[in-house]
C-alpha atoms as a PDB file:
ATOM      1  CA  UNK A   1       4.373 -34.089  17.733  1.00  0.00           C
ATOM      2  CA  UNK A   2       3.111 -30.311  18.061  1.00  0.00           C
ATOM      3  CA  UNK A   3       2.642 -29.542  21.559  1.00  0.00           C
ATOM      4  CA  UNK A   4      -0.572 -27.334  20.727  1.00  0.00           C
ATOM      5  CA  UNK A   5      -2.600 -29.984  19.131  1.00  0.00           C
ATOM      6  CA  UNK A   6      -3.693 -31.846  21.902  1.00  0.00           C
ATOM      7  CA  UNK A   7      -4.690 -28.686  23.695  1.00  0.00           C
ATOM      8  CA  UNK A   8      -6.452 -27.699  20.451  1.00  0.00           C
ATOM      9  CA  UNK A   9      -8.447 -31.172  20.794  1.00  0.00           C
ATOM     10  CA  UNK A  10      -8.975 -30.712  24.382  1.00  0.00           C
ATOM     11  CA  UNK A  11     -10.410 -27.286  23.651  1.00  0.00           C
ATOM     12  CA  UNK A  12     -12.551 -28.900  21.232  1.00  0.00           C
ATOM     13  CA  UNK A  13     -14.032 -31.565  23.710  1.00  0.00           C
ATOM     14  CA  UNK A  14     -14.578 -29.160  26.154  1.00  0.00           C
ATOM     15  CA  UNK A  15     -16.400 -26.878  23.448  1.00  0.00           C
ATOM     16  CA  UNK A  16     -14.709 -23.900  24.207  1.00  0.00           C
ATOM     17  CA  UNK A  17     -15.839 -20.777  22.396  1.00  0.00           C
ATOM     18  CA  UNK A  18     -13.800 -19.455  19.589  1.00  0.00           C
ATOM     19  CA  UNK A  19     -12.496 -16.374  21.468  1.00  0.00           C
ATOM     20  CA  UNK A  20     -11.859 -18.522  24.419  1.00  0.00           C
ATOM     21  CA  UNK A  21     -10.259 -21.062  22.269  1.00  0.00           C
ATOM     22  CA  UNK A  22      -8.104 -18.053  20.556  1.00  0.00           C
ATOM     23  CA  UNK A  23      -7.023 -17.020  24.087  1.00  0.00           C
ATOM     24  CA  UNK A  24      -5.971 -19.846  25.884  1.00  0.00           C
ATOM     25  CA  UNK A  25      -4.838 -22.354  23.069  1.00  0.00           C
ATOM     26  CA  UNK A  26      -3.966 -20.845  19.717  1.00  0.00           C
ATOM     27  CA  UNK A  27      -2.369 -17.420  20.749  1.00  0.00           C
ATOM     28  CA  UNK A  28      -0.003 -18.887  23.627  1.00  0.00           C
ATOM     29  CA  UNK A  29       1.035 -21.432  21.020  1.00  0.00           C
ATOM     30  CA  UNK A  30       1.783 -19.018  18.248  1.00  0.00           C
ATOM     31  CA  UNK A  31       3.449 -16.274  20.650  1.00  0.00           C
ATOM     32  CA  UNK A  32       6.801 -17.595  20.222  1.00  0.00           C
ATOM     33  CA  UNK A  33       6.422 -17.756  16.586  1.00  0.00           C
ATOM     34  CA  UNK A  34       5.109 -14.079  16.317  1.00  0.00           C
ATOM     35  CA  UNK A  35       7.751 -12.550  18.403  1.00  0.00           C
ATOM     36  CA  UNK A  36      10.675 -14.377  16.407  1.00  0.00           C
ATOM     37  CA  UNK A  37       9.209 -12.714  13.180  1.00  0.00           C
ATOM     38  CA  UNK A  38       8.548  -9.364  15.210  1.00  0.00           C
ATOM     39  CA  UNK A  39      12.107  -9.155  16.338  1.00  0.00           C
ATOM     40  CA  UNK A  40      13.636 -10.116  12.530  1.00  0.00           C
ATOM     41  CA  UNK A  41      11.211  -7.518  11.373  1.00  0.00           C
ATOM     42  CA  UNK A  42      11.913  -4.802  13.771  1.00  0.00           C
ATOM     43  CA  UNK A  43      15.776  -5.195  12.967  1.00  0.00           C
ATOM     44  CA  UNK A  44      15.059  -4.767   9.196  1.00  0.00           C
ATOM     45  CA  UNK A  45      12.463  -1.794   9.761  1.00  0.00           C
ATOM     46  CA  UNK A  46      15.677  -0.078  11.877  1.00  0.00           C
ATOM     47  CA  UNK A  47      18.084  -0.453   8.922  1.00  0.00           C
ATOM     48  CA  UNK A  48      15.241   0.556   6.603  1.00  0.00           C
ATOM     49  CA  UNK A  49      14.440   3.842   8.402  1.00  0.00           C
ATOM     50  CA  UNK A  50      17.866   5.139   8.904  1.00  0.00           C
ATOM     51  CA  UNK A  51      18.702   4.501   5.242  1.00  0.00           C
ATOM     52  CA  UNK A  52      15.789   5.981   4.294  1.00  0.00           C
ATOM     53  CA  UNK A  53      16.689   8.969   6.217  1.00  0.00           C
ATOM     54  CA  UNK A  54      20.087   9.390   4.569  1.00  0.00           C
ATOM     55  CA  UNK A  55      18.415   9.435   1.291  1.00  0.00           C
ATOM     56  CA  UNK A  56      15.327  11.453   1.309  1.00  0.00           C
ATOM     57  CA  UNK A  57      14.748  12.792   5.047  1.00  0.00           C
ATOM     58  CA  UNK A  58      15.555  16.282   6.389  1.00  0.00           C
ATOM     59  CA  UNK A  59      15.540  15.083   9.923  1.00  0.00           C
ATOM     60  CA  UNK A  60      16.475  11.999  11.793  1.00  0.00           C
ATOM     61  CA  UNK A  61      19.832  10.074  12.766  1.00  0.00           C
ATOM     62  CA  UNK A  62      20.313   9.214   9.172  1.00  0.00           C
ATOM     63  CA  UNK A  63      20.125  12.572   7.959  1.00  0.00           C
ATOM     64  CA  UNK A  64      22.394  13.352  10.984  1.00  0.00           C
ATOM     65  CA  UNK A  65      25.247  11.089   9.793  1.00  0.00           C
ATOM     66  CA  UNK A  66      24.993  11.731   6.046  1.00  0.00           C
ATOM     67  CA  UNK A  67      25.236  15.622   6.864  1.00  0.00           C
ATOM     68  CA  UNK A  68      28.027  15.257   9.229  1.00  0.00           C
ATOM     69  CA  UNK A  69      29.868  12.895   6.744  1.00  0.00           C
ATOM     70  CA  UNK A  70      29.466  15.647   4.480  1.00  0.00           C
ATOM     71  CA  UNK A  71      30.803  18.376   6.916  1.00  0.00           C
ATOM     72  CA  UNK A  72      33.905  15.926   7.448  1.00  0.00           C
ATOM     73  CA  UNK A  73      32.738  15.851  11.263  1.00  0.00           C
ATOM     74  CA  UNK A  74      34.290  12.086  11.767  1.00  0.00           C
ATOM     75  CA  UNK A  75      33.578  12.048  15.431  1.00  0.00           C
ATOM     76  CA  UNK A  76      29.749  13.083  15.229  1.00  0.00           C
ATOM     77  CA  UNK A  77      29.354  10.291  12.597  1.00  0.00           C
ATOM     78  CA  UNK A  78      31.183   7.674  14.503  1.00  0.00           C
ATOM     79  CA  UNK A  79      28.949   8.489  17.533  1.00  0.00           C
ATOM     80  CA  UNK A  80      25.754   8.507  15.506  1.00  0.00           C
ATOM     81  CA  UNK A  81      26.997   4.979  14.334  1.00  0.00           C
ATOM     82  CA  UNK A  82      27.396   3.885  17.825  1.00  0.00           C
ATOM     83  CA  UNK A  83      23.927   5.243  18.840  1.00  0.00           C
ATOM     84  CA  UNK A  84      22.425   3.548  15.920  1.00  0.00           C
ATOM     85  CA  UNK A  85      24.170   0.226  16.682  1.00  0.00           C
ATOM     86  CA  UNK A  86      22.869   0.780  20.842  1.00  0.00           C
ATOM     87  CA  UNK A  87      19.390   1.645  19.687  1.00  0.00           C
ATOM     88  CA  UNK A  88      19.219  -1.671  17.758  1.00  0.00           C
ATOM     89  CA  UNK A  89      20.732  -3.899  20.209  1.00  0.00           C
ATOM     90  CA  UNK A  90      18.276  -2.383  23.068  1.00  0.00           C
ATOM     91  CA  UNK A  91      15.180  -3.244  20.636  1.00  0.00           C
ATOM     92  CA  UNK A  92      16.674  -6.803  20.063  1.00  0.00           C
ATOM     93  CA  UNK A  93      17.057  -7.364  23.853  1.00  0.00           C
ATOM     94  CA  UNK A  94      13.761  -6.196  24.454  1.00  0.00           C
ATOM     95  CA  UNK A  95      12.137  -8.460  22.059  1.00  0.00           C
ATOM     96  CA  UNK A  96      14.359 -11.067  23.227  1.00  0.00           C
ATOM     97  CA  UNK A  97      13.432 -11.162  26.849  1.00  0.00           C
ATOM     98  CA  UNK A  98      10.006 -10.972  25.629  1.00  0.00           C
ATOM     99  CA  UNK A  99      10.287 -13.884  23.723  1.00  0.00           C
ATOM    100  CA  UNK A 100      11.818 -15.972  26.571  1.00  0.00           C
ATOM    101  CA  UNK A 101       9.005 -14.935  28.678  1.00  0.00           C
ATOM    102  CA  UNK A 102       6.488 -16.204  26.501  1.00  0.00           C
ATOM    103  CA  UNK A 103       8.315 -19.305  25.345  1.00  0.00           C
ATOM    104  CA  UNK A 104       6.492 -22.737  26.152  1.00  0.00           C
ATOM    105  CA  UNK A 105       8.078 -24.372  29.073  1.00  0.00           C
ATOM    106  CA  UNK A 106       7.263 -27.883  30.176  1.00  0.00           C
END
């Protein structure tokens, strides 16, 4: 049984207004799923941004990687790839910590 359903019924019995019901029942119940989707979306967006910068951009880390690859500066390419990975891990860790903080606990 869904944990938010009894709270939703209780909010209806107490005749809470729609904004109050949204902030106290619906949003806390939906927050873990919202953050899981946000975490996946940020990872996909990070990959897409770097790839788009490689193809089109004149600035950005993707352009830097592509430019250094063409110049055969492999140490710079490796450093940039490591930087891309570290930034991706940090973004994922921040959203993971936030999702653990907002997760439902009994």
